[in-house]
Amino acid sequence: MGVHEQLSYQRRGTILRSAINYLYCVGGYVGGSKYVSSSYYAPISSSGIGAWQSTTSYPILSTGYSGIAGQSCVISQGYIYCIDGEDNQSNPVADVFIAPISSSGIGSWQSTTAYPISVVSLSCAVWSGRVYCVGGLKTDLRDTSAVFYAKLSSSGVTGS
């Protein structure tokens, strides 16, 4: 495995997705009790990963959390959708955000339809214009076998 340009600091629980020859990195946990909302993007090609550049940070809601980790993000038709995750108080959240992506990075994030349950570490994938999400760790720290899906649009998740 080759080594390429590194992020400015170590992180885990972040989401890395690719589209249109770019990688997008959203949020994460950087140790101690520090969660971050920062986002980065970098060009990718057959010769490797280019320099990481800062882009629009993940939104901080009125609930007061300062970062996000363990969310699931998917990319479809020029948009990134980030679903649920864990706030800096280790609480799963049911937030869903959407933003346009391009070779200039991530655009403005917009809140959209909330996920039906608050979970962290869920897995989501896009197929045929829908996002499908499975599992995760609930607020009571129990795993869930829940499966949800919703139709995607550039104005957000529109429901089943």
N, C-alpha and C. Protein backbone atom coordinates (compact mmCIF):
# COMPACT_ATOMS: atom_id res chain seq x y z
N MET A 1 0.85 -1.17 0.00
CA MET A 1 0.00 0.00 0.00
C MET A 1 0.89 1.23 0.00
N GLY A 2 0.65 2.13 -0.90
CA GLY A 2 1.44 3.35 -1.01
C GLY A 2 1.02 4.40 -0.01
N VAL A 3 1.89 5.33 0.27
CA VAL A 3 1.61 6.46 1.15
C VAL A 3 1.57 7.72 0.31
N HIS A 4 0.55 8.54 0.55
CA HIS A 4 0.39 9.78 -0.22
C HIS A 4 0.22 10.94 0.74
N GLU A 5 -0.24 12.05 0.23
CA GLU A 5 -0.48 13.24 1.04
C GLU A 5 -1.30 12.89 2.28
N GLN A 6 -0.89 13.39 3.43
CA GLN A 6 -1.59 13.12 4.68
C GLN A 6 -2.44 14.29 5.10
N LEU A 7 -3.48 14.00 5.90
CA LEU A 7 -4.28 15.06 6.50
C LEU A 7 -3.42 15.79 7.52
N SER A 8 -3.88 16.96 7.94
CA SER A 8 -3.09 17.78 8.86
C SER A 8 -3.00 17.20 10.27
N TYR A 9 -3.88 16.27 10.64
CA TYR A 9 -3.80 15.61 11.93
C TYR A 9 -4.49 14.26 11.84
N GLN A 10 -4.16 13.40 12.81
CA GLN A 10 -4.76 12.07 12.82
C GLN A 10 -6.24 12.17 13.16
N ARG A 11 -7.04 11.24 12.63
CA ARG A 11 -8.46 11.19 12.97
C ARG A 11 -9.00 9.80 12.72
N ARG A 12 -10.09 9.48 13.39
CA ARG A 12 -10.81 8.24 13.16
C ARG A 12 -12.29 8.54 13.24
N GLY A 13 -13.11 7.58 12.80
CA GLY A 13 -14.55 7.82 12.80
C GLY A 13 -14.95 8.84 11.76
N THR A 14 -14.05 9.11 10.83
CA THR A 14 -14.34 10.05 9.77
C THR A 14 -14.92 9.30 8.58
N ILE A 15 -15.48 10.00 7.66
CA ILE A 15 -16.05 9.39 6.48
C ILE A 15 -15.26 9.85 5.26
N LEU A 16 -14.86 8.91 4.45
CA LEU A 16 -14.12 9.21 3.23
C LEU A 16 -14.92 8.65 2.06
N ARG A 17 -15.27 9.51 1.12
CA ARG A 17 -16.02 9.10 -0.06
C ARG A 17 -15.37 9.66 -1.31
N SER A 18 -15.59 9.00 -2.43
CA SER A 18 -15.00 9.47 -3.68
C SER A 18 -16.07 9.74 -4.73
N ALA A 19 -15.77 10.72 -5.57
CA ALA A 19 -16.63 11.05 -6.71
C ALA A 19 -15.88 12.01 -7.61
N ILE A 20 -16.21 11.98 -8.86
CA ILE A 20 -15.65 12.87 -9.88
C ILE A 20 -14.16 13.14 -9.69
N ASN A 21 -13.40 12.08 -9.45
CA ASN A 21 -11.95 12.15 -9.29
C ASN A 21 -11.48 12.92 -8.06
N TYR A 22 -12.32 12.96 -7.03
CA TYR A 22 -11.96 13.61 -5.78
C TYR A 22 -12.37 12.73 -4.60
N LEU A 23 -11.63 12.85 -3.51
CA LEU A 23 -11.99 12.24 -2.24
C LEU A 23 -12.52 13.33 -1.33
N TYR A 24 -13.50 13.01 -0.51
CA TYR A 24 -14.09 13.95 0.44
C TYR A 24 -14.04 13.33 1.83
N CYS A 25 -13.50 14.04 2.80
CA CYS A 25 -13.33 13.56 4.17
C CYS A 25 -14.15 14.48 5.08
N VAL A 26 -15.08 13.91 5.87
CA VAL A 26 -16.02 14.71 6.65
C VAL A 26 -15.96 14.33 8.13
N GLY A 27 -15.67 15.32 8.98
CA GLY A 27 -15.70 15.14 10.43
C GLY A 27 -14.70 14.12 10.92
N GLY A 28 -14.94 13.65 12.18
CA GLY A 28 -14.10 12.62 12.76
C GLY A 28 -13.76 12.89 14.21
N TYR A 29 -13.08 11.93 14.78
CA TYR A 29 -12.66 11.95 16.18
C TYR A 29 -11.14 12.03 16.17
N VAL A 30 -10.56 12.97 16.92
CA VAL A 30 -9.11 13.16 16.88
C VAL A 30 -8.44 12.91 18.22
N GLY A 31 -9.12 12.23 19.13
CA GLY A 31 -8.51 11.87 20.41
C GLY A 31 -9.07 12.67 21.56
N GLY A 32 -8.84 12.12 22.78
CA GLY A 32 -9.43 12.75 23.97
C GLY A 32 -10.92 12.76 23.82
N SER A 33 -11.53 13.91 23.95
CA SER A 33 -12.97 14.03 23.70
C SER A 33 -13.20 15.02 22.57
N LYS A 34 -12.25 15.11 21.65
CA LYS A 34 -12.33 16.09 20.58
C LYS A 34 -12.91 15.49 19.30
N TYR A 35 -14.08 15.96 18.95
CA TYR A 35 -14.72 15.64 17.69
C TYR A 35 -14.59 16.87 16.81
N VAL A 36 -14.42 16.67 15.52
CA VAL A 36 -14.24 17.81 14.63
C VAL A 36 -15.34 17.86 13.59
N SER A 37 -15.58 19.04 13.08
CA SER A 37 -16.56 19.23 12.01
C SER A 37 -15.86 19.59 10.70
N SER A 38 -14.55 19.67 10.74
CA SER A 38 -13.80 20.06 9.54
C SER A 38 -13.96 19.04 8.43
N SER A 39 -13.90 19.53 7.20
CA SER A 39 -14.00 18.67 6.02
C SER A 39 -12.86 19.02 5.08
N TYR A 40 -12.43 18.00 4.32
CA TYR A 40 -11.32 18.17 3.38
C TYR A 40 -11.66 17.46 2.08
N TYR A 41 -10.95 17.84 1.02
CA TYR A 41 -11.09 17.13 -0.25
C TYR A 41 -9.72 17.11 -0.93
N ALA A 42 -9.52 16.12 -1.79
CA ALA A 42 -8.25 15.99 -2.51
C ALA A 42 -8.50 15.30 -3.84
N PRO A 43 -7.72 15.67 -4.86
CA PRO A 43 -7.85 14.97 -6.14
C PRO A 43 -7.26 13.57 -6.04
N ILE A 44 -7.83 12.63 -6.79
CA ILE A 44 -7.31 11.27 -6.80
C ILE A 44 -7.19 10.83 -8.26
N SER A 45 -6.11 10.11 -8.55
CA SER A 45 -5.89 9.62 -9.90
C SER A 45 -5.12 8.31 -9.81
N SER A 46 -4.80 7.74 -10.95
CA SER A 46 -4.06 6.48 -10.95
C SER A 46 -2.67 6.63 -10.35
N SER A 47 -2.17 7.86 -10.24
CA SER A 47 -0.85 8.08 -9.64
C SER A 47 -0.93 8.39 -8.15
N GLY A 48 -2.14 8.48 -7.59
CA GLY A 48 -2.26 8.67 -6.14
C GLY A 48 -3.20 9.79 -5.75
N ILE A 49 -3.04 10.21 -4.50
CA ILE A 49 -3.87 11.26 -3.91
C ILE A 49 -3.09 12.56 -3.90
N GLY A 50 -3.71 13.63 -4.33
CA GLY A 50 -3.08 14.95 -4.32
C GLY A 50 -3.17 15.59 -2.95
N ALA A 51 -2.86 16.85 -2.87
CA ALA A 51 -2.87 17.59 -1.60
C ALA A 51 -4.30 17.77 -1.08
N TRP A 52 -4.46 17.58 0.22
CA TRP A 52 -5.75 17.80 0.87
C TRP A 52 -5.97 19.29 1.05
N GLN A 53 -7.21 19.74 0.78
CA GLN A 53 -7.57 21.13 0.97
C GLN A 53 -8.80 21.22 1.87
N SER A 54 -8.82 22.22 2.71
CA SER A 54 -9.97 22.45 3.59
C SER A 54 -11.16 22.89 2.75
N THR A 55 -12.36 22.48 3.17
CA THR A 55 -13.59 22.88 2.50
C THR A 55 -14.65 23.15 3.56
N THR A 56 -15.89 23.33 3.16
CA THR A 56 -16.97 23.69 4.06
C THR A 56 -17.12 22.67 5.19
N SER A 57 -17.05 23.15 6.43
CA SER A 57 -17.18 22.27 7.60
C SER A 57 -18.58 21.73 7.73
N TYR A 58 -18.68 20.57 8.37
CA TYR A 58 -19.97 19.97 8.67
C TYR A 58 -20.72 20.91 9.62
N PRO A 59 -22.04 21.05 9.48
CA PRO A 59 -22.78 22.01 10.31
C PRO A 59 -22.74 21.67 11.80
N ILE A 60 -22.76 22.71 12.60
CA ILE A 60 -22.91 22.55 14.05
C ILE A 60 -24.30 23.03 14.38
N LEU A 61 -25.08 22.14 14.97
CA LEU A 61 -26.48 22.46 15.24
C LEU A 61 -26.68 23.23 16.53
N SER A 62 -27.88 23.70 16.73
CA SER A 62 -28.23 24.44 17.93
C SER A 62 -28.14 23.56 19.18
N THR A 63 -28.08 22.24 19.00
CA THR A 63 -27.94 21.36 20.16
C THR A 63 -26.57 21.52 20.80
N GLY A 64 -25.67 22.21 20.12
CA GLY A 64 -24.41 22.57 20.71
C GLY A 64 -23.25 21.63 20.47
N TYR A 65 -23.43 20.58 19.68
CA TYR A 65 -22.27 19.73 19.48
C TYR A 65 -21.27 20.41 18.57
N SER A 66 -20.01 20.09 18.79
CA SER A 66 -18.95 20.81 18.08
C SER A 66 -18.30 19.98 16.99
N GLY A 67 -18.74 18.76 16.80
CA GLY A 67 -18.17 17.92 15.77
C GLY A 67 -19.00 16.66 15.61
N ILE A 68 -18.58 15.81 14.69
CA ILE A 68 -19.34 14.60 14.37
C ILE A 68 -18.37 13.48 14.04
N ALA A 69 -18.74 12.28 14.42
CA ALA A 69 -17.96 11.09 14.06
C ALA A 69 -18.94 9.93 13.90
N GLY A 70 -18.54 8.92 13.16
CA GLY A 70 -19.36 7.73 13.03
C GLY A 70 -20.60 7.87 12.19
N GLN A 71 -20.72 8.98 11.45
CA GLN A 71 -21.84 9.13 10.54
C GLN A 71 -21.59 8.30 9.29
N SER A 72 -22.61 8.13 8.48
CA SER A 72 -22.44 7.47 7.20
C SER A 72 -22.74 8.48 6.11
N CYS A 73 -21.83 8.62 5.16
CA CYS A 73 -22.03 9.54 4.05
C CYS A 73 -22.03 8.77 2.74
N VAL A 74 -22.87 9.20 1.84
CA VAL A 74 -22.92 8.62 0.50
C VAL A 74 -22.88 9.76 -0.51
N ILE A 75 -22.48 9.44 -1.72
CA ILE A 75 -22.44 10.43 -2.79
C ILE A 75 -23.31 9.94 -3.93
N SER A 76 -24.13 10.87 -4.45
CA SER A 76 -24.99 10.54 -5.58
C SER A 76 -25.26 11.79 -6.39
N GLN A 77 -25.02 11.71 -7.68
CA GLN A 77 -25.36 12.76 -8.64
C GLN A 77 -24.91 14.15 -8.22
N GLY A 78 -23.67 14.26 -7.76
CA GLY A 78 -23.10 15.55 -7.44
C GLY A 78 -23.42 16.09 -6.05
N TYR A 79 -23.94 15.24 -5.18
CA TYR A 79 -24.27 15.64 -3.81
C TYR A 79 -23.71 14.62 -2.83
N ILE A 80 -23.34 15.11 -1.64
CA ILE A 80 -22.96 14.23 -0.55
C ILE A 80 -24.06 14.31 0.50
N TYR A 81 -24.47 13.16 0.99
CA TYR A 81 -25.50 13.04 2.01
C TYR A 81 -24.85 12.40 3.23
N CYS A 82 -24.93 13.05 4.40
CA CYS A 82 -24.37 12.48 5.63
C CYS A 82 -25.50 12.22 6.61
N ILE A 83 -25.49 11.01 7.17
CA ILE A 83 -26.62 10.51 7.94
C ILE A 83 -26.17 10.09 9.34
N ASP A 84 -26.89 10.58 10.34
CA ASP A 84 -26.66 10.25 11.74
C ASP A 84 -25.22 10.51 12.17
N GLY A 85 -24.73 9.77 13.14
CA GLY A 85 -23.40 9.96 13.69
C GLY A 85 -23.46 10.14 15.19
N GLU A 86 -22.35 10.58 15.75
CA GLU A 86 -22.21 10.74 17.20
C GLU A 86 -21.65 12.13 17.48
N ASP A 87 -22.26 12.84 18.44
CA ASP A 87 -21.78 14.18 18.78
C ASP A 87 -20.63 14.11 19.78
N ASN A 88 -20.10 15.25 20.17
CA ASN A 88 -18.96 15.29 21.07
C ASN A 88 -19.30 14.88 22.50
N GLN A 89 -20.56 14.59 22.78
CA GLN A 89 -20.97 14.06 24.09
C GLN A 89 -21.24 12.56 24.00
N SER A 90 -20.82 11.94 22.88
CA SER A 90 -21.01 10.50 22.61
C SER A 90 -22.47 10.11 22.48
N ASN A 91 -23.31 11.05 22.05
CA ASN A 91 -24.73 10.78 21.84
C ASN A 91 -25.00 10.57 20.35
N PRO A 92 -25.62 9.44 19.99
CA PRO A 92 -26.04 9.28 18.59
C PRO A 92 -27.05 10.36 18.22
N VAL A 93 -26.98 10.85 17.00
CA VAL A 93 -27.90 11.88 16.52
C VAL A 93 -28.65 11.36 15.29
N ALA A 94 -29.80 11.95 14.99
CA ALA A 94 -30.62 11.53 13.85
C ALA A 94 -30.57 12.55 12.72
N ASP A 95 -29.54 13.36 12.68
CA ASP A 95 -29.43 14.42 11.68
C ASP A 95 -29.05 13.88 10.31
N VAL A 96 -29.57 14.52 9.27
CA VAL A 96 -29.19 14.21 7.90
C VAL A 96 -28.92 15.55 7.21
N PHE A 97 -27.74 15.63 6.55
CA PHE A 97 -27.36 16.84 5.83
C PHE A 97 -26.98 16.49 4.40
N ILE A 98 -27.17 17.44 3.51
CA ILE A 98 -26.84 17.29 2.09
C ILE A 98 -26.06 18.53 1.65
N ALA A 99 -25.09 18.30 0.75
CA ALA A 99 -24.33 19.43 0.19
C ALA A 99 -23.88 19.07 -1.22
N PRO A 100 -23.80 20.06 -2.10
CA PRO A 100 -23.25 19.79 -3.44
C PRO A 100 -21.73 19.59 -3.33
N ILE A 101 -21.19 18.76 -4.22
CA ILE A 101 -19.74 18.56 -4.27
C ILE A 101 -19.24 18.87 -5.67
N SER A 102 -17.99 19.29 -5.73
CA SER A 102 -17.38 19.62 -7.03
C SER A 102 -15.87 19.59 -6.88
N SER A 103 -15.18 19.96 -7.92
CA SER A 103 -13.72 20.05 -7.87
C SER A 103 -13.27 21.21 -6.99
N SER A 104 -14.21 22.03 -6.51
CA SER A 104 -13.92 23.12 -5.58
C SER A 104 -14.19 22.74 -4.14
N GLY A 105 -14.62 21.50 -3.91
CA GLY A 105 -14.88 21.04 -2.54
C GLY A 105 -16.36 20.80 -2.28
N ILE A 106 -16.72 20.93 -1.01
CA ILE A 106 -18.10 20.73 -0.56
C ILE A 106 -18.77 22.09 -0.46
N GLY A 107 -19.97 22.20 -1.02
CA GLY A 107 -20.73 23.45 -0.95
C GLY A 107 -21.43 23.61 0.39
N SER A 108 -22.45 24.44 0.43
CA SER A 108 -23.20 24.71 1.67
C SER A 108 -24.03 23.50 2.08
N TRP A 109 -23.92 23.14 3.34
CA TRP A 109 -24.70 22.03 3.90
C TRP A 109 -26.12 22.50 4.20
N GLN A 110 -27.10 21.64 3.92
CA GLN A 110 -28.50 21.92 4.24
C GLN A 110 -29.07 20.76 5.03
N SER A 111 -29.81 21.06 6.07
CA SER A 111 -30.48 20.02 6.84
C SER A 111 -31.65 19.48 6.02
N THR A 112 -31.92 18.19 6.14
CA THR A 112 -33.04 17.59 5.43
C THR A 112 -33.76 16.62 6.37
N THR A 113 -34.64 15.81 5.84
CA THR A 113 -35.45 14.88 6.62
C THR A 113 -34.59 14.08 7.59
N ALA A 114 -34.94 14.10 8.87
CA ALA A 114 -34.18 13.38 9.90
C ALA A 114 -34.29 11.86 9.69
N TYR A 115 -33.27 11.16 10.11
CA TYR A 115 -33.29 9.69 10.09
C TYR A 115 -34.27 9.22 11.16
N PRO A 116 -34.98 8.11 10.95
CA PRO A 116 -36.03 7.68 11.89
C PRO A 116 -35.54 7.36 13.30
N ILE A 117 -34.27 6.95 13.46
CA ILE A 117 -33.72 6.66 14.78
C ILE A 117 -32.33 7.27 14.90
N SER A 118 -31.90 7.54 16.12
CA SER A 118 -30.55 8.06 16.36
C SER A 118 -29.60 6.90 16.51
N VAL A 119 -28.62 6.80 15.61
CA VAL A 119 -27.63 5.73 15.68
C VAL A 119 -26.27 6.26 15.26
N VAL A 120 -25.24 5.54 15.63
CA VAL A 120 -23.88 5.81 15.21
C VAL A 120 -23.34 4.54 14.55
N SER A 121 -22.42 4.70 13.63
CA SER A 121 -21.78 3.57 12.95
C SER A 121 -22.73 2.74 12.10
N LEU A 122 -23.71 3.39 11.50
CA LEU A 122 -24.58 2.70 10.56
C LEU A 122 -23.87 2.61 9.21
N SER A 123 -24.35 1.77 8.34
CA SER A 123 -23.79 1.63 7.00
C SER A 123 -24.85 2.00 5.97
N CYS A 124 -24.48 2.87 5.04
CA CYS A 124 -25.42 3.30 4.01
C CYS A 124 -24.80 3.15 2.63
N ALA A 125 -25.65 2.90 1.65
CA ALA A 125 -25.21 2.79 0.26
C ALA A 125 -26.32 3.33 -0.63
N VAL A 126 -25.93 3.76 -1.83
CA VAL A 126 -26.89 4.26 -2.81
C VAL A 126 -27.08 3.23 -3.91
N TRP A 127 -28.33 3.03 -4.29
CA TRP A 127 -28.65 2.19 -5.43
C TRP A 127 -29.93 2.71 -6.06
N SER A 128 -29.91 2.93 -7.34
CA SER A 128 -31.07 3.30 -8.14
C SER A 128 -31.85 4.49 -7.55
N GLY A 129 -31.11 5.54 -7.16
CA GLY A 129 -31.75 6.76 -6.68
C GLY A 129 -32.27 6.72 -5.26
N ARG A 130 -31.91 5.67 -4.53
CA ARG A 130 -32.32 5.56 -3.13
C ARG A 130 -31.09 5.34 -2.26
N VAL A 131 -31.18 5.77 -1.01
CA VAL A 131 -30.15 5.47 -0.02
C VAL A 131 -30.72 4.39 0.91
N TYR A 132 -29.92 3.36 1.14
CA TYR A 132 -30.30 2.26 2.03
C TYR A 132 -29.33 2.27 3.21
N CYS A 133 -29.87 2.23 4.43
CA CYS A 133 -29.04 2.24 5.63
C CYS A 133 -29.41 1.07 6.53
N VAL A 134 -28.38 0.45 7.09
CA VAL A 134 -28.60 -0.72 7.96
C VAL A 134 -27.80 -0.57 9.25
N GLY A 135 -28.37 -1.16 10.31
CA GLY A 135 -27.66 -1.30 11.57
C GLY A 135 -27.30 -0.01 12.26
N GLY A 136 -26.32 -0.14 13.15
CA GLY A 136 -25.84 0.99 13.93
C GLY A 136 -25.98 0.72 15.42
N LEU A 137 -25.47 1.64 16.20
CA LEU A 137 -25.52 1.57 17.65
C LEU A 137 -26.49 2.65 18.12
N LYS A 138 -27.54 2.24 18.85
CA LYS A 138 -28.58 3.15 19.29
C LYS A 138 -28.17 3.93 20.54
N THR A 139 -29.01 4.88 20.94
CA THR A 139 -28.78 5.70 22.11
C THR A 139 -28.58 4.87 23.37
N ASP A 140 -29.29 3.73 23.48
CA ASP A 140 -29.15 2.87 24.66
C ASP A 140 -27.93 1.95 24.57
N LEU A 141 -27.05 2.22 23.62
CA LEU A 141 -25.81 1.47 23.39
C LEU A 141 -26.05 0.02 22.97
N ARG A 142 -27.19 -0.23 22.36
CA ARG A 142 -27.49 -1.55 21.82
C ARG A 142 -27.47 -1.48 20.30
N ASP A 143 -26.99 -2.55 19.71
CA ASP A 143 -26.99 -2.63 18.24
C ASP A 143 -28.42 -2.73 17.74
N THR A 144 -28.64 -2.28 16.53
CA THR A 144 -29.94 -2.41 15.91
C THR A 144 -29.81 -3.15 14.58
N SER A 145 -30.86 -3.86 14.23
CA SER A 145 -30.90 -4.55 12.93
C SER A 145 -31.79 -3.78 11.96
N ALA A 146 -32.13 -2.55 12.31
CA ALA A 146 -33.04 -1.74 11.49
C ALA A 146 -32.48 -1.51 10.09
N VAL A 147 -33.38 -1.49 9.12
CA VAL A 147 -33.04 -1.17 7.73
C VAL A 147 -34.04 -0.11 7.27
N PHE A 148 -33.51 1.01 6.77
CA PHE A 148 -34.34 2.09 6.26
C PHE A 148 -33.87 2.47 4.86
N TYR A 149 -34.78 3.01 4.08
CA TYR A 149 -34.39 3.53 2.77
C TYR A 149 -35.21 4.77 2.48
N ALA A 150 -34.67 5.60 1.60
CA ALA A 150 -35.37 6.82 1.20
C ALA A 150 -34.91 7.22 -0.20
N LYS A 151 -35.79 7.85 -0.93
CA LYS A 151 -35.46 8.38 -2.25
C LYS A 151 -34.59 9.61 -2.08
N LEU A 152 -33.59 9.76 -2.95
CA LEU A 152 -32.69 10.92 -2.90
C LEU A 152 -33.09 11.95 -3.94
N SER A 153 -32.84 13.22 -3.61
CA SER A 153 -32.99 14.29 -4.58
C SER A 153 -32.02 15.39 -4.20
N SER A 154 -31.80 16.33 -5.09
CA SER A 154 -30.87 17.42 -4.78
C SER A 154 -31.41 18.35 -3.71
N SER A 155 -32.69 18.23 -3.39
CA SER A 155 -33.24 19.03 -2.30
C SER A 155 -33.24 18.25 -1.00
N GLY A 156 -32.70 17.04 -1.03
CA GLY A 156 -32.60 16.24 0.19
C GLY A 156 -33.27 14.91 0.07
N VAL A 157 -33.26 14.18 1.16
CA VAL A 157 -33.92 12.88 1.22
C VAL A 157 -35.40 13.13 1.23
N THR A 158 -36.13 12.45 0.36
CA THR A 158 -37.56 12.77 0.20
C THR A 158 -38.50 11.71 0.77
N GLY A 159 -37.96 10.70 1.42
CA GLY A 159 -38.81 9.65 1.98
C GLY A 159 -38.88 8.47 1.07
N SER A 160 -39.66 7.45 1.47
CA SER A 160 -39.72 6.21 0.73
C SER A 160 -40.51 6.40 -0.53
